[in-house]
Amino acid sequence: GAVMYGAYWCPHCQDQKKMFGPAFEKIKYVECDPKGKNANPQLCEKKGVRRYPSWEFKDGKIEAGVLELVELSQKTSCPLPSK
């Protein structure tokens, strides 16, 4: 239920993506820079996204910054896989 907003050139977005590894393909991601692949800057503008990465949660709350996987797990009720 969470959406990550970011920009292809953003180093913090790259850090966030690396935290997920190959599982990032399961994350709903919106590219905010019009020069990026499959960009949707209009949606980013509509949502008021100004900092990257930003996460939007089911309740509509948007939180900016790199979030730890544990925090994302708690906010989305998505369990982390066992090691």
PDB file of N, CA and C in Angstrom:
ATOM      1  N   GLY A   1       0.786  -1.210   0.000  1.00  0.00           N
ATOM      2  CA  GLY A   1       0.000   0.000   0.000  1.00  0.00           C
ATOM      3  C   GLY A   1       0.826   1.272   0.000  1.00  0.00           C
ATOM      4  N   ALA A   2       2.158   1.168   0.046  1.00  0.00           N
ATOM      5  CA  ALA A   2       3.005   2.359   0.069  1.00  0.00           C
ATOM      6  C   ALA A   2       3.528   2.659  -1.334  1.00  0.00           C
ATOM      7  N   VAL A   3       3.803   3.937  -1.567  1.00  0.00           N
ATOM      8  CA  VAL A   3       4.348   4.387  -2.848  1.00  0.00           C
ATOM      9  C   VAL A   3       5.606   5.196  -2.554  1.00  0.00           C
ATOM     10  N   MET A   4       6.662   4.916  -3.308  1.00  0.00           N
ATOM     11  CA  MET A   4       7.887   5.703  -3.183  1.00  0.00           C
ATOM     12  C   MET A   4       7.958   6.665  -4.345  1.00  0.00           C
ATOM     13  N   TYR A   5       8.186   7.947  -4.039  1.00  0.00           N
ATOM     14  CA  TYR A   5       8.398   8.987  -5.042  1.00  0.00           C
ATOM     15  C   TYR A   5       9.877   9.336  -5.028  1.00  0.00           C
ATOM     16  N   GLY A   6      10.458   9.449  -6.217  1.00  0.00           N
ATOM     17  CA  GLY A   6      11.877   9.753  -6.266  1.00  0.00           C
ATOM     18  C   GLY A   6      12.286  10.330  -7.607  1.00  0.00           C
ATOM     19  N   ALA A   7      13.584  10.471  -7.763  1.00  0.00           N
ATOM     20  CA  ALA A   7      14.169  10.978  -9.001  1.00  0.00           C
ATOM     21  C   ALA A   7      15.396  10.129  -9.337  1.00  0.00           C
ATOM     22  N   TYR A   8      15.567   9.862 -10.604  1.00  0.00           N
ATOM     23  CA  TYR A   8      16.644   8.967 -11.041  1.00  0.00           C
ATOM     24  C   TYR A   8      18.030   9.455 -10.619  1.00  0.00           C
ATOM     25  N   TRP A   9      18.204  10.759 -10.451  1.00  0.00           N
ATOM     26  CA  TRP A   9      19.509  11.337 -10.132  1.00  0.00           C
ATOM     27  C   TRP A   9      19.755  11.465  -8.627  1.00  0.00           C
ATOM     28  N   CYS A  10      18.794  11.116  -7.829  1.00  0.00           N
ATOM     29  CA  CYS A  10      18.850  11.312  -6.369  1.00  0.00           C
ATOM     30  C   CYS A  10      19.654  10.199  -5.682  1.00  0.00           C
ATOM     31  N   PRO A  11      20.789  10.551  -5.042  1.00  0.00           N
ATOM     32  CA  PRO A  11      21.590   9.520  -4.374  1.00  0.00           C
ATOM     33  C   PRO A  11      20.866   8.868  -3.194  1.00  0.00           C
ATOM     34  N   HIS A  12      20.020   9.613  -2.513  1.00  0.00           N
ATOM     35  CA  HIS A  12      19.272   9.036  -1.385  1.00  0.00           C
ATOM     36  C   HIS A  12      18.243   8.028  -1.884  1.00  0.00           C
ATOM     37  N   CYS A  13      17.668   8.292  -3.053  1.00  0.00           N
ATOM     38  CA  CYS A  13      16.729   7.339  -3.658  1.00  0.00           C
ATOM     39  C   CYS A  13      17.455   6.044  -4.007  1.00  0.00           C
ATOM     40  N   GLN A  14      18.664   6.175  -4.530  1.00  0.00           N
ATOM     41  CA  GLN A  14      19.464   4.987  -4.858  1.00  0.00           C
ATOM     42  C   GLN A  14      19.782   4.195  -3.590  1.00  0.00           C
ATOM     43  N   ASP A  15      20.096   4.895  -2.514  1.00  0.00           N
ATOM     44  CA  ASP A  15      20.348   4.219  -1.238  1.00  0.00           C
ATOM     45  C   ASP A  15      19.105   3.454  -0.781  1.00  0.00           C
ATOM     46  N   GLN A  16      17.942   4.087  -0.899  1.00  0.00           N
ATOM     47  CA  GLN A  16      16.697   3.443  -0.479  1.00  0.00           C
ATOM     48  C   GLN A  16      16.428   2.212  -1.328  1.00  0.00           C
ATOM     49  N   LYS A  17      16.610   2.326  -2.627  1.00  0.00           N
ATOM     50  CA  LYS A  17      16.396   1.180  -3.530  1.00  0.00           C
ATOM     51  C   LYS A  17      17.330   0.025  -3.189  1.00  0.00           C
ATOM     52  N   LYS A  18      18.594   0.339  -2.879  1.00  0.00           N
ATOM     53  CA  LYS A  18      19.579  -0.705  -2.551  1.00  0.00           C
ATOM     54  C   LYS A  18      19.178  -1.471  -1.296  1.00  0.00           C
ATOM     55  N   MET A  19      18.488  -0.809  -0.365  1.00  0.00           N
ATOM     56  CA  MET A  19      18.052  -1.494   0.855  1.00  0.00           C
ATOM     57  C   MET A  19      17.128  -2.669   0.529  1.00  0.00           C
ATOM     58  N   PHE A  20      16.363  -2.530  -0.537  1.00  0.00           N
ATOM     59  CA  PHE A  20      15.417  -3.572  -0.935  1.00  0.00           C
ATOM     60  C   PHE A  20      16.073  -4.642  -1.797  1.00  0.00           C
ATOM     61  N   GLY A  21      17.182  -4.307  -2.430  1.00  0.00           N
ATOM     62  CA  GLY A  21      17.815  -5.248  -3.346  1.00  0.00           C
ATOM     63  C   GLY A  21      16.868  -5.591  -4.479  1.00  0.00           C
ATOM     64  N   PRO A  22      16.873  -6.852  -4.921  1.00  0.00           N
ATOM     65  CA  PRO A  22      16.008  -7.256  -6.040  1.00  0.00           C
ATOM     66  C   PRO A  22      14.513  -7.100  -5.731  1.00  0.00           C
ATOM     67  N   ALA A  23      14.155  -7.078  -4.446  1.00  0.00           N
ATOM     68  CA  ALA A  23      12.743  -6.954  -4.067  1.00  0.00           C
ATOM     69  C   ALA A  23      12.175  -5.578  -4.416  1.00  0.00           C
ATOM     70  N   PHE A  24      13.048  -4.616  -4.774  1.00  0.00           N
ATOM     71  CA  PHE A  24      12.534  -3.282  -5.103  1.00  0.00           C
ATOM     72  C   PHE A  24      11.564  -3.328  -6.277  1.00  0.00           C
ATOM     73  N   GLU A  25      11.665  -4.328  -7.116  1.00  0.00           N
ATOM     74  CA  GLU A  25      10.741  -4.442  -8.256  1.00  0.00           C
ATOM     75  C   GLU A  25       9.293  -4.584  -7.808  1.00  0.00           C
ATOM     76  N   LYS A  26       9.083  -4.961  -6.553  1.00  0.00           N
ATOM     77  CA  LYS A  26       7.718  -5.103  -6.024  1.00  0.00           C
ATOM     78  C   LYS A  26       7.185  -3.801  -5.430  1.00  0.00           C
ATOM     79  N   ILE A  27       8.040  -2.779  -5.327  1.00  0.00           N
ATOM     80  CA  ILE A  27       7.649  -1.495  -4.758  1.00  0.00           C
ATOM     81  C   ILE A  27       7.013  -0.631  -5.838  1.00  0.00           C
ATOM     82  N   LYS A  28       5.905  -0.007  -5.488  1.00  0.00           N
ATOM     83  CA  LYS A  28       5.307   0.955  -6.421  1.00  0.00           C
ATOM     84  C   LYS A  28       6.160   2.222  -6.357  1.00  0.00           C
ATOM     85  N   TYR A  29       6.767   2.568  -7.501  1.00  0.00           N
ATOM     86  CA  TYR A  29       7.686   3.693  -7.573  1.00  0.00           C
ATOM     87  C   TYR A  29       7.192   4.696  -8.600  1.00  0.00           C
ATOM     88  N   VAL A  30       7.223   5.976  -8.235  1.00  0.00           N
ATOM     89  CA  VAL A  30       6.847   7.050  -9.146  1.00  0.00           C
ATOM     90  C   VAL A  30       8.072   7.930  -9.375  1.00  0.00           C
ATOM     91  N   GLU A  31       8.485   8.038 -10.625  1.00  0.00           N
ATOM     92  CA  GLU A  31       9.602   8.904 -11.016  1.00  0.00           C
ATOM     93  C   GLU A  31       9.066  10.320 -11.157  1.00  0.00           C
ATOM     94  N   CYS A  32       9.683  11.253 -10.435  1.00  0.00           N
ATOM     95  CA  CYS A  32       9.193  12.632 -10.415  1.00  0.00           C
ATOM     96  C   CYS A  32       9.904  13.553 -11.404  1.00  0.00           C
ATOM     97  N   ASP A  33      11.091  13.183 -11.849  1.00  0.00           N
ATOM     98  CA  ASP A  33      11.821  14.033 -12.796  1.00  0.00           C
ATOM     99  C   ASP A  33      11.318  13.737 -14.212  1.00  0.00           C
ATOM    100  N   PRO A  34      10.887  14.772 -14.937  1.00  0.00           N
ATOM    101  CA  PRO A  34      10.350  14.549 -16.279  1.00  0.00           C
ATOM    102  C   PRO A  34      11.335  13.869 -17.230  1.00  0.00           C
ATOM    103  N   LYS A  35      12.626  13.911 -16.918  1.00  0.00           N
ATOM    104  CA  LYS A  35      13.624  13.273 -17.781  1.00  0.00           C
ATOM    105  C   LYS A  35      13.817  11.797 -17.452  1.00  0.00           C
ATOM    106  N   GLY A  36      13.224  11.340 -16.363  1.00  0.00           N
ATOM    107  CA  GLY A  36      13.382   9.948 -15.935  1.00  0.00           C
ATOM    108  C   GLY A  36      12.458   9.005 -16.687  1.00  0.00           C
ATOM    109  N   LYS A  37      12.775   7.726 -16.589  1.00  0.00           N
ATOM    110  CA  LYS A  37      11.996   6.677 -17.251  1.00  0.00           C
ATOM    111  C   LYS A  37      10.599   6.582 -16.631  1.00  0.00           C
ATOM    112  N   ASN A  38       9.580   6.554 -17.495  1.00  0.00           N
ATOM    113  CA  ASN A  38       8.174   6.450 -17.055  1.00  0.00           C
ATOM    114  C   ASN A  38       7.801   7.532 -16.039  1.00  0.00           C
ATOM    115  N   ALA A  39       8.293   8.732 -16.266  1.00  0.00           N
ATOM    116  CA  ALA A  39       8.087   9.837 -15.324  1.00  0.00           C
ATOM    117  C   ALA A  39       6.617  10.255 -15.213  1.00  0.00           C
ATOM    118  N   ASN A  40       6.261  10.698 -14.014  1.00  0.00           N
ATOM    119  CA  ASN A  40       4.920  11.216 -13.762  1.00  0.00           C
ATOM    120  C   ASN A  40       5.041  12.450 -12.859  1.00  0.00           C
ATOM    121  N   PRO A  41       5.697  13.505 -13.359  1.00  0.00           N
ATOM    122  CA  PRO A  41       5.898  14.686 -12.515  1.00  0.00           C
ATOM    123  C   PRO A  41       4.595  15.360 -12.093  1.00  0.00           C
ATOM    124  N   GLN A  42       3.544  15.195 -12.885  1.00  0.00           N
ATOM    125  CA  GLN A  42       2.252  15.792 -12.527  1.00  0.00           C
ATOM    126  C   GLN A  42       1.707  15.182 -11.234  1.00  0.00           C
ATOM    127  N   LEU A  43       1.860  13.865 -11.086  1.00  0.00           N
ATOM    128  CA  LEU A  43       1.390  13.212  -9.862  1.00  0.00           C
ATOM    129  C   LEU A  43       2.210  13.676  -8.666  1.00  0.00           C
ATOM    130  N   CYS A  44       3.518  13.790  -8.852  1.00  0.00           N
ATOM    131  CA  CYS A  44       4.384  14.261  -7.763  1.00  0.00           C
ATOM    132  C   CYS A  44       3.976  15.663  -7.326  1.00  0.00           C
ATOM    133  N   GLU A  45       3.706  16.513  -8.299  1.00  0.00           N
ATOM    134  CA  GLU A  45       3.274  17.887  -8.009  1.00  0.00           C
ATOM    135  C   GLU A  45       1.930  17.871  -7.278  1.00  0.00           C
ATOM    136  N   LYS A  46       1.011  17.052  -7.762  1.00  0.00           N
ATOM    137  CA  LYS A  46      -0.321  16.949  -7.144  1.00  0.00           C
ATOM    138  C   LYS A  46      -0.228  16.481  -5.693  1.00  0.00           C
ATOM    139  N   LYS A  47       0.686  15.565  -5.418  1.00  0.00           N
ATOM    140  CA  LYS A  47       0.857  15.022  -4.066  1.00  0.00           C
ATOM    141  C   LYS A  47       1.682  15.947  -3.176  1.00  0.00           C
ATOM    142  N   GLY A  48       2.298  16.969  -3.767  1.00  0.00           N
ATOM    143  CA  GLY A  48       3.093  17.906  -2.984  1.00  0.00           C
ATOM    144  C   GLY A  48       4.479  17.382  -2.640  1.00  0.00           C
ATOM    145  N   VAL A  49       4.964  16.426  -3.418  1.00  0.00           N
ATOM    146  CA  VAL A  49       6.285  15.854  -3.171  1.00  0.00           C
ATOM    147  C   VAL A  49       7.351  16.860  -3.594  1.00  0.00           C
ATOM    148  N   ARG A  50       8.217  17.234  -2.649  1.00  0.00           N
ATOM    149  CA  ARG A  50       9.267  18.214  -2.915  1.00  0.00           C
ATOM    150  C   ARG A  50      10.663  17.667  -2.594  1.00  0.00           C
ATOM    151  N   ARG A  51      10.703  16.597  -1.778  1.00  0.00           N
ATOM    152  CA  ARG A  51      11.980  15.998  -1.376  1.00  0.00           C
ATOM    153  C   ARG A  51      11.965  14.521  -1.743  1.00  0.00           C
ATOM    154  N   TYR A  52      13.147  14.022  -2.048  1.00  0.00           N
ATOM    155  CA  TYR A  52      13.264  12.624  -2.478  1.00  0.00           C
ATOM    156  C   TYR A  52      14.236  11.872  -1.583  1.00  0.00           C
ATOM    157  N   PRO A  53      13.955  10.602  -1.316  1.00  0.00           N
ATOM    158  CA  PRO A  53      12.705   9.949  -1.620  1.00  0.00           C
ATOM    159  C   PRO A  53      11.604  10.411  -0.668  1.00  0.00           C
ATOM    160  N   SER A  54      10.385  10.228  -1.091  1.00  0.00           N
ATOM    161  CA  SER A  54       9.222  10.435  -0.230  1.00  0.00           C
ATOM    162  C   SER A  54       8.360   9.190  -0.327  1.00  0.00           C
ATOM    163  N   TRP A  55       7.755   8.846   0.761  1.00  0.00           N
ATOM    164  CA  TRP A  55       6.864   7.677   0.834  1.00  0.00           C
ATOM    165  C   TRP A  55       5.452   8.137   1.150  1.00  0.00           C
ATOM    166  N   GLU A  56       4.504   7.607   0.413  1.00  0.00           N
ATOM    167  CA  GLU A  56       3.083   7.847   0.716  1.00  0.00           C
ATOM    168  C   GLU A  56       2.501   6.541   1.229  1.00  0.00           C
ATOM    169  N   PHE A  57       1.791   6.638   2.341  1.00  0.00           N
ATOM    170  CA  PHE A  57       1.209   5.460   2.964  1.00  0.00           C
ATOM    171  C   PHE A  57      -0.302   5.420   2.734  1.00  0.00           C
ATOM    172  N   LYS A  58      -0.895   4.267   3.046  1.00  0.00           N
ATOM    173  CA  LYS A  58      -2.322   4.041   2.797  1.00  0.00           C
ATOM    174  C   LYS A  58      -3.219   5.135   3.350  1.00  0.00           C
ATOM    175  N   ASP A  59      -2.817   5.712   4.481  1.00  0.00           N
ATOM    176  CA  ASP A  59      -3.638   6.751   5.109  1.00  0.00           C
ATOM    177  C   ASP A  59      -3.468   8.120   4.442  1.00  0.00           C
ATOM    178  N   GLY A  60      -2.633   8.180   3.380  1.00  0.00           N
ATOM    179  CA  GLY A  60      -2.421   9.432   2.650  1.00  0.00           C
ATOM    180  C   GLY A  60      -1.273  10.268   3.183  1.00  0.00           C
ATOM    181  N   LYS A  61      -0.703   9.866   4.312  1.00  0.00           N
ATOM    182  CA  LYS A  61       0.422  10.602   4.886  1.00  0.00           C
ATOM    183  C   LYS A  61       1.664  10.401   4.019  1.00  0.00           C
ATOM    184  N   ILE A  62       2.394  11.498   3.804  1.00  0.00           N
ATOM    185  CA  ILE A  62       3.640  11.442   3.035  1.00  0.00           C
ATOM    186  C   ILE A  62       4.787  11.794   3.956  1.00  0.00           C
ATOM    187  N   GLU A  63       5.820  10.957   3.933  1.00  0.00           N
ATOM    188  CA  GLU A  63       6.998  11.156   4.769  1.00  0.00           C
ATOM    189  C   GLU A  63       8.233  11.176   3.869  1.00  0.00           C
ATOM    190  N   ALA A  64       9.051  12.216   4.011  1.00  0.00           N
ATOM    191  CA  ALA A  64      10.246  12.359   3.184  1.00  0.00           C
ATOM    192  C   ALA A  64      11.463  11.774   3.882  1.00  0.00           C
ATOM    193  N   GLY A  65      12.380  11.267   3.075  1.00  0.00           N
ATOM    194  CA  GLY A  65      13.648  10.763   3.581  1.00  0.00           C
ATOM    195  C   GLY A  65      13.784   9.264   3.406  1.00  0.00           C
ATOM    196  N   VAL A  66      15.010   8.802   3.544  1.00  0.00           N
ATOM    197  CA  VAL A  66      15.293   7.369   3.501  1.00  0.00           C
ATOM    198  C   VAL A  66      14.755   6.747   4.785  1.00  0.00           C
ATOM    199  N   LEU A  67      13.916   5.743   4.640  1.00  0.00           N
ATOM    200  CA  LEU A  67      13.339   5.064   5.803  1.00  0.00           C
ATOM    201  C   LEU A  67      13.938   3.672   5.929  1.00  0.00           C
ATOM    202  N   GLU A  68      14.196   3.267   7.152  1.00  0.00           N
ATOM    203  CA  GLU A  68      14.709   1.922   7.400  1.00  0.00           C
ATOM    204  C   GLU A  68      13.615   0.900   7.080  1.00  0.00           C
ATOM    205  N   LEU A  69      14.043  -0.302   6.692  1.00  0.00           N
ATOM    206  CA  LEU A  69      13.079  -1.341   6.331  1.00  0.00           C
ATOM    207  C   LEU A  69      12.160  -1.692   7.496  1.00  0.00           C
ATOM    208  N   VAL A  70      12.681  -1.679   8.704  1.00  0.00           N
ATOM    209  CA  VAL A  70      11.852  -1.976   9.884  1.00  0.00           C
ATOM    210  C   VAL A  70      10.736  -0.937  10.007  1.00  0.00           C
ATOM    211  N   GLU A  71      11.077   0.327   9.794  1.00  0.00           N
ATOM    212  CA  GLU A  71      10.071   1.395   9.883  1.00  0.00           C
ATOM    213  C   GLU A  71       9.013   1.240   8.788  1.00  0.00           C
ATOM    214  N   LEU A  72       9.463   0.931   7.577  1.00  0.00           N
ATOM    215  CA  LEU A  72       8.512   0.716   6.478  1.00  0.00           C
ATOM    216  C   LEU A  72       7.623  -0.484   6.770  1.00  0.00           C
ATOM    217  N   SER A  73       8.192  -1.521   7.332  1.00  0.00           N
ATOM    218  CA  SER A  73       7.427  -2.709   7.695  1.00  0.00           C
ATOM    219  C   SER A  73       6.322  -2.362   8.691  1.00  0.00           C
ATOM    220  N   GLN A  74       6.674  -1.565   9.699  1.00  0.00           N
ATOM    221  CA  GLN A  74       5.691  -1.171  10.710  1.00  0.00           C
ATOM    222  C   GLN A  74       4.593  -0.297  10.123  1.00  0.00           C
ATOM    223  N   LYS A  75       4.964   0.631   9.246  1.00  0.00           N
ATOM    224  CA  LYS A  75       3.990   1.569   8.688  1.00  0.00           C
ATOM    225  C   LYS A  75       3.064   0.922   7.668  1.00  0.00           C
ATOM    226  N   THR A  76       3.513  -0.200   7.078  1.00  0.00           N
ATOM    227  CA  THR A  76       2.711  -0.845   6.035  1.00  0.00           C
ATOM    228  C   THR A  76       2.105  -2.171   6.473  1.00  0.00           C
ATOM    229  N   SER A  77       2.452  -2.621   7.669  1.00  0.00           N
ATOM    230  CA  SER A  77       2.033  -3.945   8.168  1.00  0.00           C
ATOM    231  C   SER A  77       2.513  -5.061   7.245  1.00  0.00           C
ATOM    232  N   CYS A  78       3.624  -4.818   6.578  1.00  0.00           N
ATOM    233  CA  CYS A  78       4.235  -5.829   5.712  1.00  0.00           C
ATOM    234  C   CYS A  78       5.415  -6.426   6.458  1.00  0.00           C
ATOM    235  N   PRO A  79       5.341  -7.730   6.773  1.00  0.00           N
ATOM    236  CA  PRO A  79       6.414  -8.328   7.561  1.00  0.00           C
ATOM    237  C   PRO A  79       7.714  -8.406   6.767  1.00  0.00           C
ATOM    238  N   LEU A  80       8.818  -8.294   7.485  1.00  0.00           N
ATOM    239  CA  LEU A  80      10.127  -8.502   6.883  1.00  0.00           C
ATOM    240  C   LEU A  80      10.368 -10.000   6.762  1.00  0.00           C
ATOM    241  N   PRO A  81      11.056 -10.436   5.704  1.00  0.00           N
ATOM    242  CA  PRO A  81      11.330 -11.868   5.577  1.00  0.00           C
ATOM    243  C   PRO A  81      12.306 -12.322   6.659  1.00  0.00           C
ATOM    244  N   SER A  82      12.201 -13.564   7.037  1.00  0.00           N
ATOM    245  CA  SER A  82      13.138 -14.149   8.014  1.00  0.00           C
ATOM    246  C   SER A  82      14.474 -14.357   7.333  1.00  0.00           C
ATOM    247  N   LYS A  83      15.528 -14.245   8.128  1.00  0.00           N
ATOM    248  CA  LYS A  83      16.880 -14.461   7.564  1.00  0.00           C
ATOM    249  C   LYS A  83      17.268 -15.907   7.649  1.00  0.00           C
TER     250      LYS A  83
END
